Amino acid sequence: MKLIRGRATVDPDAAPRFYNLLANSERIAEARLIGGNPTREGVETLLYALEGDPERFRAEATETPGIESVDLSATEDGWTYAIVEARPLATPMYETIHRARMQSGFVARRPIVYRDGAIHFRVVGDPESLQAAFDRASDAVDVRIDEIETVRGDPDRPAATLSERQREAVSVALELGYYDQPRAATHADVAAELECAPATASEHLRKAEAKLVRAAMERSGSGV
């Protein structure tokens, strides 16, 4: 099983209005699709976290075909939650997502992030099935795969994407006190335990740390 990270961009001139509001608006720095579920026939309730001007988002969203209502709830950390009721088949972007979700072999993980003109996503499953879904996408959609990793255990657990060697390096570093303050071990100490060169140990730790920091930021809602 693979964890696939990537991004998709849509030509703004061809993109649905709601996509441009989420991904290209100067008023919204970032929008994160956190969850959603079908409600009454033909309608889905979707939960977004917004960084930016929520009132402008509500005003523009409710004027968009397929969007029935937007309910806002502000937080103290600068983000606003928006519950959006939408008719997917009346909203081109959602209709495309629905078609993609009909492809078996993979599951999209939340959040799905709209930022800097692109959709940033994580998918667990078969890369070939995901590629088949991309092949069905419109020519206006450009998809880029940033990373493919083997998942070990719960894909939402921070350490799930570490390789065995990276996991071993971090475990040894913790045991030796490499992450203590003040630091009680060096790259050379970790390397001696791993029976490898210090540069190799440093590389294992750097790659593992990057994955763990990314996972922590994703959980906090600060990045993908």
N, C-alpha and C. Protein backbone atom coordinates (compact mmCIF):
# COMPACT_ATOMS: atom_id res chain seq x y z
N MET A 1 0.85 -1.19 0.00
CA MET A 1 0.00 0.00 0.00
C MET A 1 0.88 1.23 0.00
N LYS A 2 0.53 2.22 -0.81
CA LYS A 2 1.33 3.42 -0.97
C LYS A 2 0.59 4.66 -0.48
N LEU A 3 1.35 5.60 0.05
CA LEU A 3 0.84 6.94 0.35
C LEU A 3 1.38 7.86 -0.73
N ILE A 4 0.49 8.50 -1.45
CA ILE A 4 0.87 9.33 -2.59
C ILE A 4 0.51 10.78 -2.27
N ARG A 5 1.49 11.65 -2.39
CA ARG A 5 1.27 13.08 -2.21
C ARG A 5 1.39 13.76 -3.57
N GLY A 6 0.48 14.68 -3.84
CA GLY A 6 0.56 15.36 -5.12
C GLY A 6 -0.25 16.63 -5.11
N ARG A 7 -0.32 17.24 -6.27
CA ARG A 7 -1.09 18.47 -6.42
C ARG A 7 -1.71 18.51 -7.81
N ALA A 8 -2.83 19.16 -7.90
CA ALA A 8 -3.52 19.32 -9.19
C ALA A 8 -3.84 20.80 -9.37
N THR A 9 -3.56 21.31 -10.54
CA THR A 9 -3.91 22.70 -10.86
C THR A 9 -4.88 22.70 -12.03
N VAL A 10 -5.75 23.67 -12.01
CA VAL A 10 -6.75 23.81 -13.07
C VAL A 10 -6.55 25.18 -13.71
N ASP A 11 -6.55 25.22 -15.02
CA ASP A 11 -6.45 26.48 -15.74
C ASP A 11 -7.53 27.43 -15.22
N PRO A 12 -7.14 28.58 -14.63
CA PRO A 12 -8.15 29.48 -14.05
C PRO A 12 -9.23 29.89 -15.03
N ASP A 13 -8.88 30.00 -16.32
CA ASP A 13 -9.88 30.41 -17.31
C ASP A 13 -10.91 29.32 -17.56
N ALA A 14 -10.52 28.05 -17.28
CA ALA A 14 -11.44 26.93 -17.50
C ALA A 14 -12.01 26.40 -16.19
N ALA A 15 -11.48 26.87 -15.07
CA ALA A 15 -11.87 26.33 -13.77
C ALA A 15 -13.26 26.79 -13.36
N PRO A 16 -13.99 25.96 -12.64
CA PRO A 16 -15.28 26.38 -12.08
C PRO A 16 -15.06 27.56 -11.12
N ARG A 17 -16.08 28.36 -10.97
CA ARG A 17 -15.98 29.55 -10.12
C ARG A 17 -15.64 29.19 -8.67
N PHE A 18 -16.21 28.11 -8.18
CA PHE A 18 -15.98 27.76 -6.78
C PHE A 18 -14.53 27.30 -6.58
N TYR A 19 -13.96 26.61 -7.56
CA TYR A 19 -12.54 26.24 -7.46
C TYR A 19 -11.67 27.48 -7.37
N ASN A 20 -11.93 28.47 -8.23
CA ASN A 20 -11.12 29.69 -8.19
C ASN A 20 -11.28 30.43 -6.87
N LEU A 21 -12.46 30.35 -6.28
CA LEU A 21 -12.67 30.97 -4.98
C LEU A 21 -11.82 30.28 -3.91
N LEU A 22 -11.73 28.97 -3.97
CA LEU A 22 -10.95 28.22 -2.99
C LEU A 22 -9.45 28.34 -3.21
N ALA A 23 -9.03 28.25 -4.47
CA ALA A 23 -7.59 28.11 -4.76
C ALA A 23 -6.92 29.37 -5.28
N ASN A 24 -7.67 30.27 -5.89
CA ASN A 24 -7.05 31.40 -6.58
C ASN A 24 -7.47 32.77 -6.05
N SER A 25 -8.34 32.81 -5.07
CA SER A 25 -8.82 34.09 -4.58
C SER A 25 -7.76 34.81 -3.74
N GLU A 26 -7.61 36.12 -3.96
CA GLU A 26 -6.70 36.91 -3.14
C GLU A 26 -7.24 37.05 -1.72
N ARG A 27 -8.52 36.79 -1.55
CA ARG A 27 -9.14 36.93 -0.22
C ARG A 27 -8.98 35.69 0.65
N ILE A 28 -8.67 34.55 0.03
CA ILE A 28 -8.52 33.30 0.77
C ILE A 28 -7.09 32.78 0.58
N ALA A 29 -6.29 32.83 1.65
CA ALA A 29 -4.91 32.35 1.57
C ALA A 29 -4.87 30.83 1.45
N GLU A 30 -5.79 30.16 2.15
CA GLU A 30 -5.82 28.70 2.11
C GLU A 30 -7.19 28.21 2.53
N ALA A 31 -7.65 27.17 1.87
CA ALA A 31 -8.91 26.50 2.23
C ALA A 31 -8.63 25.02 2.35
N ARG A 32 -9.16 24.41 3.39
CA ARG A 32 -8.91 22.99 3.65
C ARG A 32 -10.24 22.26 3.76
N LEU A 33 -10.45 21.28 2.89
CA LEU A 33 -11.65 20.44 2.99
C LEU A 33 -11.38 19.39 4.05
N ILE A 34 -12.08 19.50 5.17
CA ILE A 34 -11.83 18.64 6.33
C ILE A 34 -12.73 17.42 6.34
N GLY A 35 -13.95 17.58 5.90
CA GLY A 35 -14.88 16.44 5.94
C GLY A 35 -16.13 16.74 5.15
N GLY A 36 -16.97 15.73 5.04
CA GLY A 36 -18.22 15.91 4.32
C GLY A 36 -19.02 14.63 4.30
N ASN A 37 -20.30 14.78 4.08
CA ASN A 37 -21.17 13.61 3.98
C ASN A 37 -22.43 13.97 3.21
N PRO A 38 -23.04 12.98 2.54
CA PRO A 38 -24.30 13.25 1.85
C PRO A 38 -25.42 13.46 2.85
N THR A 39 -26.33 14.35 2.52
CA THR A 39 -27.49 14.58 3.39
C THR A 39 -28.73 14.19 2.62
N ARG A 40 -29.59 15.15 2.35
CA ARG A 40 -30.78 14.80 1.56
C ARG A 40 -30.38 14.55 0.11
N GLU A 41 -31.30 14.07 -0.64
CA GLU A 41 -31.02 13.63 -2.00
C GLU A 41 -30.34 14.71 -2.83
N GLY A 42 -29.17 14.37 -3.37
CA GLY A 42 -28.47 15.27 -4.27
C GLY A 42 -27.68 16.37 -3.60
N VAL A 43 -27.62 16.38 -2.27
CA VAL A 43 -26.94 17.45 -1.55
C VAL A 43 -25.87 16.86 -0.63
N GLU A 44 -24.71 17.50 -0.59
CA GLU A 44 -23.65 17.12 0.35
C GLU A 44 -23.38 18.27 1.29
N THR A 45 -23.08 17.93 2.56
CA THR A 45 -22.63 18.92 3.53
C THR A 45 -21.12 18.78 3.68
N LEU A 46 -20.40 19.87 3.43
CA LEU A 46 -18.94 19.86 3.42
C LEU A 46 -18.41 20.82 4.47
N LEU A 47 -17.33 20.42 5.14
CA LEU A 47 -16.72 21.26 6.17
C LEU A 47 -15.36 21.74 5.69
N TYR A 48 -15.20 23.06 5.61
CA TYR A 48 -13.94 23.67 5.22
C TYR A 48 -13.36 24.47 6.39
N ALA A 49 -12.02 24.56 6.42
CA ALA A 49 -11.34 25.52 7.28
C ALA A 49 -10.74 26.57 6.36
N LEU A 50 -10.99 27.83 6.67
CA LEU A 50 -10.58 28.93 5.80
C LEU A 50 -9.60 29.85 6.52
N GLU A 51 -8.56 30.27 5.80
CA GLU A 51 -7.67 31.31 6.27
C GLU A 51 -7.83 32.48 5.31
N GLY A 52 -8.43 33.57 5.79
CA GLY A 52 -8.68 34.69 4.91
C GLY A 52 -9.95 35.42 5.31
N ASP A 53 -10.66 35.93 4.32
CA ASP A 53 -11.86 36.73 4.56
C ASP A 53 -13.10 35.83 4.43
N PRO A 54 -13.64 35.35 5.55
CA PRO A 54 -14.75 34.40 5.46
C PRO A 54 -16.04 35.02 4.93
N GLU A 55 -16.27 36.28 5.24
CA GLU A 55 -17.51 36.90 4.77
C GLU A 55 -17.50 37.05 3.25
N ARG A 56 -16.35 37.39 2.70
CA ARG A 56 -16.25 37.47 1.24
C ARG A 56 -16.43 36.08 0.63
N PHE A 57 -15.87 35.07 1.31
CA PHE A 57 -16.05 33.70 0.84
C PHE A 57 -17.53 33.35 0.80
N ARG A 58 -18.25 33.65 1.88
CA ARG A 58 -19.67 33.31 1.92
C ARG A 58 -20.45 34.06 0.83
N ALA A 59 -20.14 35.34 0.66
CA ALA A 59 -20.86 36.13 -0.33
C ALA A 59 -20.66 35.58 -1.74
N GLU A 60 -19.41 35.22 -2.07
CA GLU A 60 -19.13 34.72 -3.42
C GLU A 60 -19.60 33.28 -3.60
N ALA A 61 -19.46 32.47 -2.55
CA ALA A 61 -19.85 31.06 -2.66
C ALA A 61 -21.35 30.92 -2.87
N THR A 62 -22.13 31.71 -2.15
CA THR A 62 -23.59 31.57 -2.26
C THR A 62 -24.12 32.08 -3.59
N GLU A 63 -23.29 32.78 -4.35
CA GLU A 63 -23.68 33.21 -5.70
C GLU A 63 -23.22 32.22 -6.76
N THR A 64 -22.60 31.11 -6.32
CA THR A 64 -22.06 30.11 -7.24
C THR A 64 -23.09 29.02 -7.50
N PRO A 65 -23.32 28.64 -8.74
CA PRO A 65 -24.26 27.55 -9.03
C PRO A 65 -23.88 26.27 -8.29
N GLY A 66 -24.85 25.63 -7.68
CA GLY A 66 -24.62 24.39 -6.96
C GLY A 66 -24.37 24.57 -5.48
N ILE A 67 -24.07 25.79 -5.02
CA ILE A 67 -23.83 26.05 -3.60
C ILE A 67 -25.13 26.60 -3.01
N GLU A 68 -25.70 25.85 -2.05
CA GLU A 68 -27.00 26.24 -1.50
C GLU A 68 -26.87 27.15 -0.29
N SER A 69 -25.89 26.90 0.57
CA SER A 69 -25.76 27.73 1.77
C SER A 69 -24.35 27.61 2.33
N VAL A 70 -23.95 28.63 3.10
CA VAL A 70 -22.65 28.64 3.78
C VAL A 70 -22.88 29.15 5.19
N ASP A 71 -22.45 28.38 6.20
CA ASP A 71 -22.57 28.77 7.60
C ASP A 71 -21.17 28.88 8.17
N LEU A 72 -20.83 30.00 8.81
CA LEU A 72 -19.47 30.28 9.27
C LEU A 72 -19.36 30.22 10.78
N SER A 73 -18.17 29.80 11.25
CA SER A 73 -17.86 29.80 12.68
C SER A 73 -16.40 30.16 12.85
N ALA A 74 -16.14 31.33 13.42
CA ALA A 74 -14.76 31.80 13.58
C ALA A 74 -14.09 31.15 14.78
N THR A 75 -12.75 31.07 14.72
CA THR A 75 -11.96 30.55 15.84
C THR A 75 -10.98 31.62 16.30
N GLU A 76 -10.33 31.39 17.43
CA GLU A 76 -9.41 32.38 17.98
C GLU A 76 -8.05 32.35 17.29
N ASP A 77 -7.75 31.33 16.51
CA ASP A 77 -6.43 31.22 15.90
C ASP A 77 -6.39 31.77 14.47
N GLY A 78 -7.43 32.48 14.05
CA GLY A 78 -7.41 33.10 12.74
C GLY A 78 -8.08 32.30 11.64
N TRP A 79 -8.42 31.04 11.92
CA TRP A 79 -9.12 30.22 10.94
C TRP A 79 -10.62 30.33 11.16
N THR A 80 -11.38 30.10 10.10
CA THR A 80 -12.83 30.08 10.18
C THR A 80 -13.33 28.77 9.58
N TYR A 81 -14.26 28.12 10.27
CA TYR A 81 -14.87 26.92 9.74
C TYR A 81 -16.11 27.32 8.93
N ALA A 82 -16.27 26.66 7.79
CA ALA A 82 -17.43 26.93 6.94
C ALA A 82 -18.11 25.61 6.61
N ILE A 83 -19.40 25.52 6.94
CA ILE A 83 -20.21 24.38 6.53
C ILE A 83 -20.93 24.77 5.25
N VAL A 84 -20.64 24.04 4.19
CA VAL A 84 -21.16 24.37 2.86
C VAL A 84 -22.10 23.25 2.41
N GLU A 85 -23.30 23.63 2.05
CA GLU A 85 -24.22 22.67 1.45
C GLU A 85 -24.19 22.85 -0.06
N ALA A 86 -23.87 21.77 -0.76
CA ALA A 86 -23.67 21.86 -2.21
C ALA A 86 -24.38 20.73 -2.92
N ARG A 87 -24.77 21.01 -4.14
CA ARG A 87 -25.30 19.98 -5.05
C ARG A 87 -24.17 19.61 -6.01
N PRO A 88 -23.48 18.50 -5.76
CA PRO A 88 -22.29 18.17 -6.55
C PRO A 88 -22.53 18.12 -8.05
N LEU A 89 -23.63 17.55 -8.47
CA LEU A 89 -23.85 17.40 -9.91
C LEU A 89 -24.17 18.72 -10.58
N ALA A 90 -24.45 19.75 -9.78
CA ALA A 90 -24.69 21.08 -10.34
C ALA A 90 -23.44 21.95 -10.26
N THR A 91 -22.37 21.42 -9.67
CA THR A 91 -21.13 22.16 -9.50
C THR A 91 -20.03 21.40 -10.23
N PRO A 92 -19.51 21.90 -11.34
CA PRO A 92 -18.57 21.13 -12.17
C PRO A 92 -17.41 20.53 -11.41
N MET A 93 -16.81 21.28 -10.47
CA MET A 93 -15.66 20.76 -9.74
C MET A 93 -16.03 19.51 -8.95
N TYR A 94 -17.17 19.56 -8.26
CA TYR A 94 -17.58 18.42 -7.47
C TYR A 94 -17.98 17.24 -8.34
N GLU A 95 -18.57 17.55 -9.48
CA GLU A 95 -18.97 16.47 -10.39
C GLU A 95 -17.73 15.72 -10.86
N THR A 96 -16.62 16.44 -11.09
CA THR A 96 -15.37 15.80 -11.47
C THR A 96 -14.82 14.95 -10.34
N ILE A 97 -14.89 15.47 -9.11
CA ILE A 97 -14.42 14.72 -7.95
C ILE A 97 -15.24 13.45 -7.77
N HIS A 98 -16.54 13.55 -7.96
CA HIS A 98 -17.40 12.36 -7.83
C HIS A 98 -16.98 11.28 -8.82
N ARG A 99 -16.69 11.67 -10.05
CA ARG A 99 -16.26 10.69 -11.04
C ARG A 99 -14.95 10.04 -10.61
N ALA A 100 -14.02 10.83 -10.10
CA ALA A 100 -12.73 10.29 -9.67
C ALA A 100 -12.91 9.32 -8.51
N ARG A 101 -13.85 9.63 -7.59
CA ARG A 101 -14.05 8.77 -6.44
C ARG A 101 -14.68 7.44 -6.81
N MET A 102 -15.26 7.35 -7.99
CA MET A 102 -15.83 6.09 -8.44
C MET A 102 -14.76 5.09 -8.87
N GLN A 103 -13.53 5.58 -9.07
CA GLN A 103 -12.42 4.69 -9.45
C GLN A 103 -11.98 3.91 -8.21
N SER A 104 -11.94 2.58 -8.30
CA SER A 104 -11.53 1.77 -7.16
C SER A 104 -10.02 1.74 -7.05
N GLY A 105 -9.53 1.37 -5.87
CA GLY A 105 -8.11 1.15 -5.70
C GLY A 105 -7.39 2.20 -4.88
N PHE A 106 -8.08 3.27 -4.49
CA PHE A 106 -7.42 4.29 -3.67
C PHE A 106 -8.46 5.06 -2.86
N VAL A 107 -7.98 5.69 -1.80
CA VAL A 107 -8.84 6.49 -0.92
C VAL A 107 -8.14 7.82 -0.66
N ALA A 108 -8.83 8.93 -0.87
CA ALA A 108 -8.27 10.25 -0.58
C ALA A 108 -8.33 10.48 0.93
N ARG A 109 -7.24 11.02 1.47
CA ARG A 109 -7.16 11.34 2.89
C ARG A 109 -7.44 12.82 3.08
N ARG A 110 -8.06 13.16 4.17
CA ARG A 110 -8.31 14.55 4.50
C ARG A 110 -7.20 15.07 5.42
N PRO A 111 -6.94 16.38 5.39
CA PRO A 111 -7.62 17.39 4.58
C PRO A 111 -7.11 17.43 3.15
N ILE A 112 -7.97 17.94 2.27
CA ILE A 112 -7.57 18.30 0.92
C ILE A 112 -7.39 19.82 0.93
N VAL A 113 -6.23 20.27 0.50
CA VAL A 113 -5.86 21.67 0.69
C VAL A 113 -5.86 22.43 -0.63
N TYR A 114 -6.52 23.59 -0.62
CA TYR A 114 -6.53 24.49 -1.77
C TYR A 114 -5.63 25.68 -1.42
N ARG A 115 -4.54 25.82 -2.18
CA ARG A 115 -3.58 26.87 -1.85
C ARG A 115 -2.73 27.20 -3.08
N ASP A 116 -2.48 28.48 -3.29
CA ASP A 116 -1.58 28.93 -4.36
C ASP A 116 -1.99 28.36 -5.72
N GLY A 117 -3.29 28.33 -5.98
CA GLY A 117 -3.77 27.92 -7.28
C GLY A 117 -3.87 26.42 -7.50
N ALA A 118 -3.63 25.63 -6.47
CA ALA A 118 -3.59 24.18 -6.65
C ALA A 118 -4.37 23.47 -5.54
N ILE A 119 -4.75 22.22 -5.85
CA ILE A 119 -5.28 21.29 -4.84
C ILE A 119 -4.14 20.39 -4.41
N HIS A 120 -3.83 20.39 -3.13
CA HIS A 120 -2.79 19.53 -2.58
C HIS A 120 -3.49 18.34 -1.90
N PHE A 121 -3.09 17.13 -2.28
CA PHE A 121 -3.83 15.97 -1.81
C PHE A 121 -2.90 14.85 -1.35
N ARG A 122 -3.49 13.95 -0.55
CA ARG A 122 -2.84 12.70 -0.14
C ARG A 122 -3.80 11.57 -0.45
N VAL A 123 -3.27 10.52 -1.02
CA VAL A 123 -4.08 9.36 -1.39
C VAL A 123 -3.39 8.10 -0.91
N VAL A 124 -4.15 7.17 -0.38
CA VAL A 124 -3.62 5.87 0.02
C VAL A 124 -4.19 4.82 -0.92
N GLY A 125 -3.31 3.98 -1.46
CA GLY A 125 -3.79 2.91 -2.33
C GLY A 125 -2.82 2.58 -3.43
N ASP A 126 -3.38 2.27 -4.59
CA ASP A 126 -2.61 1.79 -5.73
C ASP A 126 -2.30 2.94 -6.68
N PRO A 127 -1.01 3.24 -6.94
CA PRO A 127 -0.68 4.34 -7.85
C PRO A 127 -1.28 4.18 -9.24
N GLU A 128 -1.39 2.94 -9.74
CA GLU A 128 -1.95 2.74 -11.08
C GLU A 128 -3.43 3.12 -11.13
N SER A 129 -4.16 2.83 -10.05
CA SER A 129 -5.57 3.22 -10.01
C SER A 129 -5.71 4.73 -9.97
N LEU A 130 -4.83 5.39 -9.23
CA LEU A 130 -4.86 6.84 -9.18
C LEU A 130 -4.53 7.43 -10.55
N GLN A 131 -3.54 6.85 -11.22
CA GLN A 131 -3.18 7.32 -12.54
C GLN A 131 -4.36 7.17 -13.52
N ALA A 132 -5.10 6.08 -13.38
CA ALA A 132 -6.27 5.87 -14.25
C ALA A 132 -7.30 6.97 -14.03
N ALA A 133 -7.47 7.40 -12.79
CA ALA A 133 -8.40 8.49 -12.50
C ALA A 133 -7.89 9.79 -13.10
N PHE A 134 -6.57 10.02 -13.02
CA PHE A 134 -6.01 11.23 -13.61
C PHE A 134 -6.19 11.25 -15.12
N ASP A 135 -6.05 10.08 -15.73
CA ASP A 135 -6.17 10.00 -17.18
C ASP A 135 -7.57 10.39 -17.66
N ARG A 136 -8.54 10.25 -16.78
CA ARG A 136 -9.92 10.61 -17.14
C ARG A 136 -10.20 12.10 -16.91
N ALA A 137 -9.24 12.80 -16.29
CA ALA A 137 -9.46 14.20 -15.96
C ALA A 137 -9.44 15.06 -17.22
N SER A 138 -10.02 16.24 -17.10
CA SER A 138 -10.05 17.19 -18.20
C SER A 138 -8.63 17.63 -18.58
N ASP A 139 -8.46 18.03 -19.83
CA ASP A 139 -7.16 18.54 -20.28
C ASP A 139 -6.79 19.82 -19.54
N ALA A 140 -7.77 20.49 -18.93
CA ALA A 140 -7.49 21.72 -18.20
C ALA A 140 -6.87 21.45 -16.84
N VAL A 141 -6.84 20.16 -16.43
CA VAL A 141 -6.30 19.78 -15.12
C VAL A 141 -4.89 19.23 -15.30
N ASP A 142 -3.94 19.80 -14.59
CA ASP A 142 -2.55 19.34 -14.62
C ASP A 142 -2.22 18.72 -13.27
N VAL A 143 -1.84 17.44 -13.26
CA VAL A 143 -1.57 16.71 -12.03
C VAL A 143 -0.08 16.43 -11.90
N ARG A 144 0.44 16.66 -10.71
CA ARG A 144 1.84 16.39 -10.43
C ARG A 144 1.93 15.53 -9.17
N ILE A 145 2.69 14.44 -9.25
CA ILE A 145 2.95 13.59 -8.08
C ILE A 145 4.25 14.03 -7.45
N ASP A 146 4.19 14.39 -6.17
CA ASP A 146 5.37 14.88 -5.47
C ASP A 146 6.13 13.76 -4.76
N GLU A 147 5.39 12.75 -4.28
CA GLU A 147 6.05 11.73 -3.46
C GLU A 147 5.19 10.48 -3.40
N ILE A 148 5.83 9.32 -3.47
CA ILE A 148 5.16 8.03 -3.27
C ILE A 148 5.96 7.26 -2.23
N GLU A 149 5.28 6.86 -1.15
CA GLU A 149 5.95 6.17 -0.06
C GLU A 149 5.17 4.91 0.31
N THR A 150 5.88 3.94 0.82
CA THR A 150 5.23 2.74 1.33
C THR A 150 4.67 3.03 2.72
N VAL A 151 3.42 2.65 2.95
CA VAL A 151 2.78 2.87 4.24
C VAL A 151 2.99 1.66 5.13
N ARG A 152 3.42 1.91 6.33
CA ARG A 152 3.59 0.85 7.33
C ARG A 152 2.69 1.15 8.52
N GLY A 153 1.57 0.44 8.60
CA GLY A 153 0.62 0.69 9.67
C GLY A 153 -0.39 1.76 9.31
N ASP A 154 -0.93 2.41 10.33
CA ASP A 154 -1.94 3.44 10.16
C ASP A 154 -1.36 4.58 9.32
N PRO A 155 -1.95 4.88 8.15
CA PRO A 155 -1.39 5.93 7.29
C PRO A 155 -1.45 7.32 7.90
N ASP A 156 -2.30 7.52 8.93
CA ASP A 156 -2.38 8.82 9.57
C ASP A 156 -1.44 8.94 10.77
N ARG A 157 -0.74 7.84 11.10
CA ARG A 157 0.23 7.90 12.19
C ARG A 157 1.52 8.51 11.66
N PRO A 158 2.12 9.50 12.36
CA PRO A 158 3.28 10.21 11.81
C PRO A 158 4.42 9.31 11.34
N ALA A 159 4.68 8.21 12.05
CA ALA A 159 5.82 7.36 11.70
C ALA A 159 5.50 6.35 10.60
N ALA A 160 4.28 6.37 10.08
CA ALA A 160 3.86 5.32 9.15
C ALA A 160 4.66 5.32 7.85
N THR A 161 5.15 6.48 7.43
CA THR A 161 5.85 6.55 6.15
C THR A 161 7.37 6.44 6.28
N LEU A 162 7.88 6.24 7.49
CA LEU A 162 9.33 6.08 7.66
C LEU A 162 9.76 4.72 7.13
N SER A 163 10.90 4.70 6.45
CA SER A 163 11.47 3.41 6.06
C SER A 163 12.00 2.72 7.30
N GLU A 164 12.29 1.42 7.18
CA GLU A 164 12.81 0.69 8.34
C GLU A 164 14.10 1.32 8.85
N ARG A 165 14.97 1.72 7.92
CA ARG A 165 16.24 2.31 8.32
C ARG A 165 16.05 3.68 8.97
N GLN A 166 15.12 4.46 8.46
CA GLN A 166 14.83 5.76 9.07
C GLN A 166 14.25 5.59 10.47
N ARG A 167 13.36 4.63 10.61
CA ARG A 167 12.77 4.36 11.92
C ARG A 167 13.84 3.93 12.91
N GLU A 168 14.75 3.07 12.46
CA GLU A 168 15.83 2.60 13.31
C GLU A 168 16.73 3.77 13.71
N ALA A 169 17.03 4.65 12.76
CA ALA A 169 17.91 5.79 13.05
C ALA A 169 17.29 6.71 14.11
N VAL A 170 16.00 6.99 13.97
CA VAL A 170 15.34 7.86 14.93
C VAL A 170 15.28 7.20 16.31
N SER A 171 15.00 5.90 16.35
CA SER A 171 14.93 5.18 17.62
C SER A 171 16.28 5.20 18.33
N VAL A 172 17.35 4.98 17.58
CA VAL A 172 18.69 5.02 18.15
C VAL A 172 19.02 6.42 18.65
N ALA A 173 18.68 7.43 17.84
CA ALA A 173 18.96 8.80 18.23
C ALA A 173 18.23 9.18 19.51
N LEU A 174 16.99 8.76 19.63
CA LEU A 174 16.24 9.02 20.87
C LEU A 174 16.89 8.33 22.06
N GLU A 175 17.27 7.07 21.86
CA GLU A 175 17.86 6.29 22.95
C GLU A 175 19.18 6.89 23.42
N LEU A 176 19.96 7.41 22.48
CA LEU A 176 21.27 7.97 22.83
C LEU A 176 21.20 9.40 23.36
N GLY A 177 20.06 10.02 23.25
CA GLY A 177 19.93 11.40 23.72
C GLY A 177 20.24 12.45 22.67
N TYR A 178 20.19 12.05 21.40
CA TYR A 178 20.51 12.99 20.33
C TYR A 178 19.53 14.17 20.32
N TYR A 179 18.28 13.94 20.74
CA TYR A 179 17.29 15.01 20.73
C TYR A 179 17.12 15.67 22.10
N ASP A 180 17.95 15.30 23.06
CA ASP A 180 17.90 15.95 24.37
C ASP A 180 18.43 17.37 24.28
N GLN A 181 18.08 18.18 25.28
CA GLN A 181 18.63 19.52 25.41
C GLN A 181 19.31 19.64 26.77
N PRO A 182 20.64 19.79 26.84
CA PRO A 182 21.56 19.84 25.70
C PRO A 182 21.72 18.46 25.07
N ARG A 183 22.14 18.44 23.81
CA ARG A 183 22.28 17.20 23.05
C ARG A 183 23.32 16.30 23.70
N ALA A 184 22.96 15.01 23.89
CA ALA A 184 23.85 14.07 24.55
C ALA A 184 24.54 13.12 23.57
N ALA A 185 24.27 13.25 22.30
CA ALA A 185 24.90 12.39 21.29
C ALA A 185 25.02 13.15 19.99
N THR A 186 25.89 12.68 19.12
CA THR A 186 26.14 13.32 17.82
C THR A 186 25.76 12.38 16.68
N HIS A 187 25.87 12.91 15.46
CA HIS A 187 25.65 12.06 14.29
C HIS A 187 26.61 10.87 14.31
N ALA A 188 27.84 11.11 14.76
CA ALA A 188 28.83 10.04 14.81
C ALA A 188 28.41 8.94 15.77
N ASP A 189 27.82 9.32 16.91
CA ASP A 189 27.36 8.33 17.89
C ASP A 189 26.23 7.48 17.30
N VAL A 190 25.31 8.16 16.62
CA VAL A 190 24.20 7.43 15.99
C VAL A 190 24.75 6.51 14.90
N ALA A 191 25.71 7.01 14.12
CA ALA A 191 26.30 6.22 13.04
C ALA A 191 26.98 4.97 13.58
N ALA A 192 27.66 5.10 14.73
CA ALA A 192 28.37 3.96 15.31
C ALA A 192 27.38 2.86 15.68
N GLU A 193 26.22 3.23 16.21
CA GLU A 193 25.20 2.26 16.58
C GLU A 193 24.58 1.62 15.34
N LEU A 194 24.43 2.40 14.29
CA LEU A 194 23.83 1.89 13.06
C LEU A 194 24.83 1.17 12.18
N GLU A 195 26.12 1.31 12.54
CA GLU A 195 27.22 0.71 11.75
C GLU A 195 27.20 1.27 10.32
N CYS A 196 27.19 2.59 10.24
CA CYS A 196 27.25 3.27 8.94
C CYS A 196 28.06 4.54 9.10
N ALA A 197 28.31 5.24 8.01
CA ALA A 197 29.05 6.49 8.05
C ALA A 197 28.21 7.60 8.68
N PRO A 198 28.85 8.57 9.36
CA PRO A 198 28.09 9.69 9.94
C PRO A 198 27.22 10.42 8.92
N ALA A 199 27.72 10.59 7.70
CA ALA A 199 26.93 11.26 6.67
C ALA A 199 25.67 10.48 6.34
N THR A 200 25.78 9.14 6.35
CA THR A 200 24.61 8.30 6.07
C THR A 200 23.60 8.39 7.20
N ALA A 201 24.09 8.36 8.44
CA ALA A 201 23.20 8.50 9.59
C ALA A 201 22.49 9.85 9.56
N SER A 202 23.25 10.90 9.20
CA SER A 202 22.67 12.24 9.11
C SER A 202 21.56 12.29 8.07
N GLU A 203 21.78 11.62 6.94
CA GLU A 203 20.78 11.61 5.88
C GLU A 203 19.51 10.87 6.32
N HIS A 204 19.69 9.72 7.00
CA HIS A 204 18.52 8.98 7.50
C HIS A 204 17.71 9.86 8.45
N LEU A 205 18.40 10.55 9.37
CA LEU A 205 17.70 11.39 10.34
C LEU A 205 17.02 12.58 9.67
N ARG A 206 17.71 13.19 8.73
CA ARG A 206 17.14 14.36 8.06
C ARG A 206 15.86 13.99 7.31
N LYS A 207 15.88 12.88 6.59
CA LYS A 207 14.69 12.46 5.85
C LYS A 207 13.56 12.07 6.79
N ALA A 208 13.90 11.38 7.88
CA ALA A 208 12.87 11.00 8.85
C ALA A 208 12.27 12.23 9.51
N GLU A 209 13.12 13.17 9.89
CA GLU A 209 12.64 14.39 10.54
C GLU A 209 11.72 15.18 9.62
N ALA A 210 12.06 15.24 8.33
CA ALA A 210 11.22 15.96 7.37
C ALA A 210 9.83 15.34 7.30
N LYS A 211 9.77 14.01 7.27
CA LYS A 211 8.47 13.32 7.21
C LYS A 211 7.67 13.54 8.49
N LEU A 212 8.34 13.50 9.64
CA LEU A 212 7.64 13.65 10.91
C LEU A 212 7.15 15.07 11.10
N VAL A 213 7.96 16.05 10.70
CA VAL A 213 7.52 17.44 10.82
C VAL A 213 6.34 17.70 9.89
N ARG A 214 6.40 17.18 8.68
CA ARG A 214 5.29 17.35 7.74
C ARG A 214 4.01 16.76 8.31
N ALA A 215 4.12 15.55 8.89
CA ALA A 215 2.94 14.91 9.46
C ALA A 215 2.37 15.73 10.61
N ALA A 216 3.26 16.28 11.45
CA ALA A 216 2.80 17.10 12.57
C ALA A 216 2.10 18.36 12.08
N MET A 217 2.63 18.98 11.02
CA MET A 217 2.02 20.18 10.48
C MET A 217 0.65 19.86 9.86
N GLU A 218 0.55 18.71 9.21
CA GLU A 218 -0.73 18.32 8.63
C GLU A 218 -1.78 18.15 9.73
N ARG A 219 -1.37 17.54 10.83
CA ARG A 219 -2.33 17.31 11.92
C ARG A 219 -2.76 18.61 12.58
N SER A 220 -1.85 19.60 12.60
CA SER A 220 -2.17 20.87 13.24
C SER A 220 -2.94 21.80 12.31
N GLY A 221 -3.06 21.38 11.02
CA GLY A 221 -3.75 22.24 10.06
C GLY A 221 -2.89 23.33 9.50
N SER A 222 -1.55 23.16 9.53
CA SER A 222 -0.65 24.22 9.09
C SER A 222 0.10 23.90 7.81
N GLY A 223 -0.16 22.77 7.19
CA GLY A 223 0.57 22.48 5.97
C GLY A 223 0.30 21.10 5.46
N VAL A 224 0.69 20.87 4.21
CA VAL A 224 0.56 19.55 3.59
C VAL A 224 1.84 19.24 2.85
